[in-house]
Amino acid sequence: MDSVLEQKSYKFAIRIVNLNKYLTKTFKEYTLCKQVLRSGTAIGALIAEAQFAQSKADFINKLQISLKEANECRYWLRLLLDCNYLNQKSFDDINQNVEEIIKMLVSSINTLKNN
């Protein structure tokens, strides 16, 4: 893993996996956990997949899909907070990570589109 974006998205995926383990064990909540697990781990997987894109357009497309997954993950995290599966401190901490990844993806996509 070379790029900061790859590293951050991988570390975020690990946090999401651990969050999923905690929530399923503690609350026996599986439906919301499955959604946040899928979207939260897809972010980094798509960034990794983009490294072998067939073209610049394909590379941008993979990053755009990753951005959509990050936005969806943010939604599920807010829902977990509002349904009292996450406390505010835990939410703020993990949400800060996804917001940072979103900003990096937006910046990367815009830079690629303008070059």
Foldseek 3Di string as FASTA:
>chain_A
DPDPLLVLLVVLLVVLVVLLVCLCVPPVDDPLSVLLNVLSNLLNVLQVVLVPAPDLVRSLVSLVVSLVSLVSNLVSLVVCPVVPVDDPVVSVVSNVSSVVSNVVSVVVSVVSVVD
